[in-house]
Amino acid sequence: MWPDADKAGADYAEDVVAAATAAGAASVAVLRLDRLRDLRGDDLPEGWGAADALAEDLDRAPLAALLIDPEALEQRQAQRSRSGRDQPKRAGVARLPFIHVAPYDAQGRRAGVHYVPRSRDRDSGEHVDGAPEWICSPLKVEALTRDHAGGEWGRLLVFPDRDGLEHRWAMPAAMLAKDGAEVREVLLSQGLEITADPAKRRRLVEFIQSAEPAQFARCVTRAGWHGDSFVMPDRTIGPDQGEVLVFQSAAPGDHKLGESGNLAGWREQVSAPCAGNTRLITALSAAFAAPCLQLTGLEGGGLHYRGPSSCGKSTAEAVVASVYGPA
């Protein structure tokens, strides 16, 4: 951490140390400004920082050496905030005894959520932290969810799979009522890696329940229009209403919506060939009309194509399905 040479810089450094230690860092290395002053050969102007060092074209070789010199770095731990209250936990970071370990950890620990066992020293009576135990691959509790009536509470979980694809699941809190097997089953199917140790697996539910995210979100259990927003299982389209709106379900992958290719390819290979075929055009129009019914205040209906085999009924069905997912 390289703070600017003023009170604002010192305060910001304190906030960074608090956030980092809340995330599990044992300490944060803060660059000593007196060593920077010695390197520069003059007092540091008010507010002088890293950007000013670049602007002054400070010799980079000794500067790089300074940044890795243990004597030039002060190891700090979280202190109480300037208001006298403990710093709030960063969004998505659970209360101890859990820590987040980033990829390529300097200590060689596996990336993800770790449980830190704690015991009491017989002689001193103080709590002593044991070696961190890996629970699962990186997992963040991004928000607490609830519906517009203040019920259906849940957790918005965000995590990458092994391919690096990000998954977002608004998990109903009711799934945590038992032993958490349902939760683990869904997370495993979505690509989260979880410890195989039965004694440690239960810590996953404890981690999710103990997380204190700063963000709140509204959840719905039905896809479609909700106010001015159109909610789909994996995204929400609409104006920013001051609060995230998410689809919440115990089975996040249990829907037929999906993508394949792109819009240009769909126009060229599906839409354009329908030109001149009134049955296919009518079927496509019905597919696009469905999301517009609520906007127009009209009731829903349907089309029934009847006829002998090989007259295009299945083709029309496939064309309509391509509007909402791979046919």
Protein backbone atom coordinates (compact mmCIF):
# COMPACT_ATOMS: atom_id res chain seq x y z
CA MET A 1 0.00 0.00 0.00
CA TRP A 2 1.46 3.36 -1.10
CA PRO A 3 -0.42 6.22 0.66
CA ASP A 4 -0.39 9.82 -0.49
CA ALA A 5 1.55 12.25 1.69
CA ASP A 6 -1.38 13.92 3.44
CA LYS A 7 -4.08 13.20 6.03
CA ALA A 8 -6.50 11.92 3.36
CA GLY A 9 -3.86 9.46 2.19
CA ALA A 10 -3.24 8.25 5.73
CA ASP A 11 -6.97 7.84 6.36
CA TYR A 12 -7.43 5.94 3.11
CA ALA A 13 -4.52 3.64 3.97
CA GLU A 14 -6.21 2.88 7.29
CA ASP A 15 -9.45 2.00 5.48
CA VAL A 16 -7.60 -0.29 3.05
CA VAL A 17 -5.88 -2.07 5.94
CA ALA A 18 -9.23 -2.58 7.67
CA ALA A 19 -10.89 -3.96 4.52
CA ALA A 20 -7.96 -6.25 3.72
CA THR A 21 -7.75 -7.70 7.21
CA ALA A 22 -11.54 -8.19 7.25
CA ALA A 23 -11.06 -10.25 4.07
CA GLY A 24 -8.55 -12.48 5.85
CA ALA A 25 -5.18 -10.74 5.42
CA ALA A 26 -2.95 -11.13 8.48
CA SER A 27 -1.44 -7.70 7.83
CA VAL A 28 -0.89 -5.12 5.08
CA ALA A 29 2.49 -3.75 4.01
CA VAL A 30 2.38 0.08 3.94
CA LEU A 31 5.23 2.01 2.35
CA ARG A 32 7.03 4.30 4.79
CA LEU A 33 6.90 7.87 3.50
CA ASP A 34 10.16 8.82 5.24
CA ARG A 35 11.98 6.29 3.04
CA LEU A 36 10.35 7.85 -0.04
CA ARG A 37 11.51 11.25 1.13
CA ASP A 38 15.09 9.98 1.45
CA LEU A 39 14.91 8.48 -2.03
CA ARG A 40 13.52 11.69 -3.52
CA GLY A 41 16.10 13.82 -1.70
CA ASP A 42 13.57 16.40 -0.57
CA ASP A 43 10.44 16.73 1.52
CA LEU A 44 7.31 15.29 -0.05
CA PRO A 45 4.80 17.96 -1.14
CA GLU A 46 1.30 17.79 0.36
CA GLY A 47 -0.65 15.00 -1.34
CA TRP A 48 2.40 13.64 -3.19
CA GLY A 49 1.89 10.01 -4.30
CA ALA A 50 2.67 7.33 -6.86
CA ALA A 51 1.29 9.37 -9.79
CA ASP A 52 3.62 12.23 -8.87
CA ALA A 53 6.57 9.84 -8.75
CA LEU A 54 5.82 8.85 -12.34
CA ALA A 55 5.34 12.47 -13.41
CA GLU A 56 8.72 13.42 -11.90
CA ASP A 57 10.31 10.45 -13.68
CA LEU A 58 11.79 9.19 -10.41
CA ASP A 59 14.53 6.62 -10.95
CA ARG A 60 12.63 3.36 -11.17
CA ALA A 61 15.40 0.95 -10.19
CA PRO A 62 15.89 2.20 -6.60
CA LEU A 63 12.13 2.76 -6.34
CA ALA A 64 11.45 -0.87 -7.27
CA ALA A 65 14.04 -2.00 -4.72
CA LEU A 66 12.37 0.18 -2.08
CA LEU A 67 8.98 -1.44 -2.68
CA ILE A 68 10.33 -4.87 -1.72
CA ASP A 69 12.65 -3.71 1.08
CA PRO A 70 11.23 -5.07 4.39
CA GLU A 71 12.70 -2.10 6.28
CA ALA A 72 10.77 0.31 4.04
CA LEU A 73 7.45 -1.44 4.61
CA GLU A 74 5.41 -1.14 7.78
CA GLN A 75 3.25 -4.19 8.52
CA ARG A 76 -0.11 -2.98 9.78
CA GLN A 77 -3.20 -4.69 11.14
CA ALA A 78 -6.74 -3.36 11.34
CA GLN A 79 -7.43 -0.75 14.01
CA ARG A 80 -10.71 0.76 15.10
CA SER A 81 -12.18 3.29 12.69
CA ARG A 82 -11.75 7.01 13.13
CA SER A 83 -15.31 7.19 14.50
CA GLY A 84 -14.39 4.74 17.27
CA ARG A 85 -16.55 1.94 15.82
CA ASP A 86 -15.27 -1.21 14.23
CA GLN A 87 -14.93 -1.00 10.46
CA PRO A 88 -17.86 -2.68 8.67
CA LYS A 89 -17.05 -5.87 6.82
CA ARG A 90 -16.55 -5.63 3.07
CA ALA A 91 -19.41 -6.86 0.89
CA GLY A 92 -19.34 -10.59 0.39
CA VAL A 93 -16.81 -11.27 3.15
CA ALA A 94 -17.96 -13.56 5.93
CA ARG A 95 -17.26 -13.06 9.63
CA LEU A 96 -14.33 -14.96 10.99
CA PRO A 97 -13.44 -17.83 11.27
CA PHE A 98 -13.51 -17.79 7.45
CA ILE A 99 -10.93 -16.24 5.15
CA HIS A 100 -10.72 -15.83 1.39
CA VAL A 101 -7.50 -16.95 -0.28
CA ALA A 102 -6.80 -15.47 -3.70
CA PRO A 103 -5.29 -17.45 -6.59
CA TYR A 104 -1.50 -17.78 -6.59
CA ASP A 105 -1.35 -17.28 -2.84
CA ALA A 106 2.16 -16.47 -1.61
CA GLN A 107 1.89 -19.21 1.02
CA GLY A 108 0.88 -21.82 -1.54
CA ARG A 109 -2.63 -22.21 -0.17
CA ARG A 110 -5.43 -23.33 -2.45
CA ALA A 111 -7.65 -20.52 -3.71
CA GLY A 112 -11.09 -20.24 -2.20
CA VAL A 113 -12.85 -20.13 1.15
CA HIS A 114 -10.91 -21.47 4.15
CA TYR A 115 -12.10 -22.22 7.66
CA VAL A 116 -9.73 -21.19 10.45
CA PRO A 117 -10.14 -23.46 13.50
CA ARG A 118 -9.66 -21.73 16.81
CA SER A 119 -8.66 -23.15 20.17
CA ARG A 120 -7.79 -21.71 23.57
CA ASP A 121 -4.22 -21.78 24.82
CA ARG A 122 -4.06 -23.61 28.16
CA ASP A 123 -1.41 -21.35 29.62
CA SER A 124 -2.45 -17.88 28.44
CA GLY A 125 -6.15 -18.51 27.93
CA GLU A 126 -5.98 -16.63 24.63
CA HIS A 127 -7.55 -17.88 21.41
CA VAL A 128 -5.08 -19.41 18.98
CA ASP A 129 -5.80 -19.81 15.27
CA GLY A 130 -4.97 -23.15 13.68
CA ALA A 131 -4.00 -23.90 10.08
CA PRO A 132 -6.68 -22.78 7.56
CA GLU A 133 -8.77 -25.65 6.14
CA TRP A 134 -9.95 -25.42 2.52
CA ILE A 135 -13.74 -25.55 2.20
CA CYS A 136 -14.52 -24.62 -1.41
CA SER A 137 -13.25 -22.77 -4.47
CA PRO A 138 -13.78 -18.96 -4.60
CA LEU A 139 -17.35 -18.11 -3.55
CA LYS A 140 -18.81 -14.69 -2.75
CA VAL A 141 -22.08 -13.88 -1.02
CA GLU A 142 -22.81 -10.70 -2.95
CA ALA A 143 -26.18 -9.68 -1.52
CA LEU A 144 -29.04 -10.57 0.79
CA THR A 145 -32.25 -11.08 -1.19
CA ARG A 146 -35.91 -10.73 -0.27
CA ASP A 147 -39.17 -10.17 -2.14
CA HIS A 148 -41.25 -6.99 -2.20
CA ALA A 149 -43.30 -8.20 0.78
CA GLY A 150 -40.20 -8.72 2.92
CA GLY A 151 -40.30 -12.51 2.67
CA GLU A 152 -38.57 -15.23 0.63
CA TRP A 153 -35.16 -14.25 1.98
CA GLY A 154 -32.08 -15.65 0.33
CA ARG A 155 -28.45 -15.11 -0.66
CA LEU A 156 -27.04 -14.04 -4.02
CA LEU A 157 -24.05 -16.33 -4.58
CA VAL A 158 -21.39 -15.54 -7.19
CA PHE A 159 -18.59 -17.90 -8.19
CA PRO A 160 -16.53 -19.01 -11.21
CA ASP A 161 -16.37 -22.55 -12.54
CA ARG A 162 -13.17 -24.22 -13.76
CA ASP A 163 -13.65 -22.68 -17.22
CA GLY A 164 -13.70 -19.23 -15.65
CA LEU A 165 -17.41 -18.73 -16.40
CA GLU A 166 -19.14 -16.71 -13.69
CA HIS A 167 -22.29 -18.17 -12.11
CA ARG A 168 -24.84 -16.10 -10.19
CA TRP A 169 -27.45 -17.91 -8.11
CA ALA A 170 -30.06 -16.29 -5.90
CA MET A 171 -30.41 -19.12 -3.40
CA PRO A 172 -33.53 -19.33 -1.19
CA ALA A 173 -32.45 -19.23 2.46
CA ALA A 174 -34.95 -22.01 3.21
CA MET A 175 -32.51 -24.43 1.55
CA LEU A 176 -30.19 -23.94 4.53
CA ALA A 177 -32.76 -25.23 7.02
CA LYS A 178 -31.48 -28.82 6.97
CA ASP A 179 -27.96 -30.15 6.45
CA GLY A 180 -27.21 -28.12 3.30
CA ALA A 181 -27.03 -31.15 0.99
CA GLU A 182 -29.41 -29.49 -1.50
CA VAL A 183 -27.26 -26.38 -1.61
CA ARG A 184 -24.07 -28.35 -2.18
CA GLU A 185 -25.74 -30.40 -4.92
CA VAL A 186 -26.73 -27.29 -6.86
CA LEU A 187 -23.36 -25.59 -6.37
CA LEU A 188 -21.48 -28.70 -7.48
CA SER A 189 -23.65 -28.99 -10.59
CA GLN A 190 -22.86 -25.34 -11.41
CA GLY A 191 -19.11 -25.91 -11.14
CA LEU A 192 -18.14 -24.93 -7.59
CA GLU A 193 -15.49 -27.18 -6.08
CA ILE A 194 -16.25 -28.34 -2.53
CA THR A 195 -14.15 -30.35 -0.09
CA ALA A 196 -14.84 -34.07 -0.01
CA ASP A 197 -14.22 -34.22 3.74
CA PRO A 198 -17.63 -34.83 5.38
CA ALA A 199 -16.55 -33.07 8.58
CA LYS A 200 -15.59 -29.91 6.67
CA ARG A 201 -18.44 -29.84 4.14
CA ARG A 202 -20.87 -28.52 6.75
CA ARG A 203 -18.71 -25.41 7.06
CA LEU A 204 -19.95 -24.30 3.63
CA VAL A 205 -23.47 -23.69 4.97
CA GLU A 206 -21.99 -21.94 8.00
CA PHE A 207 -19.98 -19.66 5.70
CA ILE A 208 -23.00 -18.73 3.58
CA GLN A 209 -25.18 -18.05 6.61
CA SER A 210 -22.56 -16.00 8.45
CA ALA A 211 -21.66 -13.75 5.50
CA GLU A 212 -22.63 -10.11 5.94
CA PRO A 213 -22.82 -8.51 2.49
CA ALA A 214 -23.45 -4.77 2.38
CA GLN A 215 -25.74 -5.04 -0.63
CA PHE A 216 -29.43 -5.97 -0.67
CA ALA A 217 -31.43 -7.17 -3.69
CA ARG A 218 -35.09 -7.78 -4.48
CA CYS A 219 -35.97 -11.24 -5.66
CA VAL A 220 -38.84 -12.61 -7.75
CA THR A 221 -39.81 -16.21 -8.33
CA ARG A 222 -41.44 -15.67 -11.73
CA ALA A 223 -39.71 -14.62 -14.93
CA GLY A 224 -41.26 -11.81 -16.95
CA TRP A 225 -42.32 -8.23 -16.26
CA HIS A 226 -41.99 -6.78 -12.78
CA GLY A 227 -42.72 -3.07 -12.95
CA ASP A 228 -40.54 -1.60 -15.68
CA SER A 229 -38.04 -4.48 -15.56
CA PHE A 230 -38.10 -7.76 -17.44
CA VAL A 231 -36.55 -10.50 -15.33
CA MET A 232 -34.98 -13.59 -16.85
CA PRO A 233 -33.27 -16.43 -14.96
CA ASP A 234 -29.78 -15.11 -15.70
CA ARG A 235 -30.27 -11.37 -16.12
CA THR A 236 -32.64 -8.42 -15.69
CA ILE A 237 -33.40 -5.87 -18.41
CA GLY A 238 -34.70 -2.49 -17.36
CA PRO A 239 -33.90 0.85 -15.72
CA ASP A 240 -31.87 1.19 -12.57
CA GLN A 241 -34.44 1.34 -9.78
CA GLY A 242 -31.92 1.72 -6.99
CA GLU A 243 -31.89 -1.96 -6.09
CA VAL A 244 -30.83 -5.07 -7.99
CA LEU A 245 -33.73 -7.29 -9.12
CA VAL A 246 -32.91 -11.01 -9.43
CA PHE A 247 -34.69 -14.25 -10.24
CA GLN A 248 -34.59 -16.60 -7.24
CA SER A 249 -35.05 -20.34 -7.51
CA ALA A 250 -34.01 -23.54 -5.77
CA ALA A 251 -33.12 -24.93 -9.21
CA PRO A 252 -31.19 -22.20 -11.09
CA GLY A 253 -30.66 -24.24 -14.25
CA ASP A 254 -34.22 -25.52 -14.52
CA HIS A 255 -35.36 -23.39 -17.48
CA LYS A 256 -35.27 -23.57 -21.27
CA LEU A 257 -33.98 -20.08 -22.02
CA GLY A 258 -30.56 -19.99 -23.60
CA GLU A 259 -28.31 -18.58 -26.30
CA SER A 260 -26.60 -20.08 -29.32
CA GLY A 261 -24.70 -18.05 -31.88
CA ASN A 262 -25.61 -14.38 -32.26
CA LEU A 263 -28.41 -12.14 -33.50
CA ALA A 264 -26.87 -11.64 -36.94
CA GLY A 265 -26.60 -15.40 -37.44
CA TRP A 266 -30.21 -15.92 -36.30
CA ARG A 267 -31.46 -13.28 -38.75
CA GLU A 268 -29.53 -14.82 -41.60
CA GLN A 269 -30.19 -18.51 -40.93
CA VAL A 270 -33.63 -18.48 -39.27
CA SER A 271 -35.52 -15.25 -39.82
CA ALA A 272 -34.63 -14.44 -43.45
CA PRO A 273 -35.61 -17.90 -44.84
CA CYS A 274 -39.12 -17.39 -43.35
CA ALA A 275 -39.83 -14.56 -45.82
CA GLY A 276 -42.84 -15.40 -47.96
CA ASN A 277 -44.03 -18.22 -45.67
CA THR A 278 -47.10 -16.86 -43.89
CA ARG A 279 -47.28 -19.76 -41.41
CA LEU A 280 -43.72 -19.30 -40.21
CA ILE A 281 -44.06 -15.51 -40.08
CA THR A 282 -47.24 -15.83 -38.02
CA ALA A 283 -45.57 -18.29 -35.65
CA LEU A 284 -42.54 -16.00 -35.20
CA SER A 285 -44.81 -13.01 -34.60
CA ALA A 286 -46.64 -14.91 -31.87
CA ALA A 287 -43.32 -15.71 -30.20
CA PHE A 288 -42.27 -12.07 -30.13
CA ALA A 289 -45.72 -10.93 -29.05
CA ALA A 290 -45.68 -12.90 -25.79
CA PRO A 291 -43.42 -10.52 -23.79
CA CYS A 292 -45.46 -7.54 -25.05
CA LEU A 293 -48.83 -8.67 -23.72
CA GLN A 294 -48.44 -7.08 -20.30
CA LEU A 295 -47.28 -3.80 -21.82
CA THR A 296 -50.39 -3.63 -24.00
CA GLY A 297 -52.79 -4.92 -21.35
CA LEU A 298 -53.96 -7.78 -23.58
CA GLU A 299 -54.77 -11.32 -22.48
CA GLY A 300 -52.74 -14.28 -23.70
CA GLY A 301 -53.85 -16.74 -26.32
CA GLY A 302 -52.44 -19.34 -28.66
CA LEU A 303 -52.19 -20.65 -32.19
CA HIS A 304 -53.08 -24.21 -33.16
CA TYR A 305 -51.59 -25.46 -36.43
CA ARG A 306 -53.40 -28.52 -37.74
CA GLY A 307 -52.58 -30.59 -40.81
CA PRO A 308 -51.07 -33.82 -42.09
CA SER A 309 -47.48 -34.82 -41.44
CA SER A 310 -44.66 -33.08 -43.30
CA CYS A 311 -46.64 -29.86 -43.75
CA GLY A 312 -44.34 -27.70 -41.59
CA LYS A 313 -45.79 -27.97 -38.07
CA SER A 314 -42.54 -29.20 -36.51
CA THR A 315 -40.54 -26.65 -38.50
CA ALA A 316 -42.74 -23.83 -37.17
CA GLU A 317 -42.27 -25.18 -33.64
CA ALA A 318 -38.48 -25.18 -34.03
CA VAL A 319 -38.49 -21.65 -35.46
CA VAL A 320 -40.58 -20.37 -32.54
CA ALA A 321 -38.35 -22.13 -29.99
CA SER A 322 -35.27 -20.45 -31.50
CA VAL A 323 -36.55 -17.08 -30.24
CA TYR A 324 -36.03 -18.15 -26.62
CA GLY A 325 -33.35 -20.81 -26.82
CA PRO A 326 -31.49 -23.19 -29.12
CA ALA A 327 -34.15 -25.07 -31.12
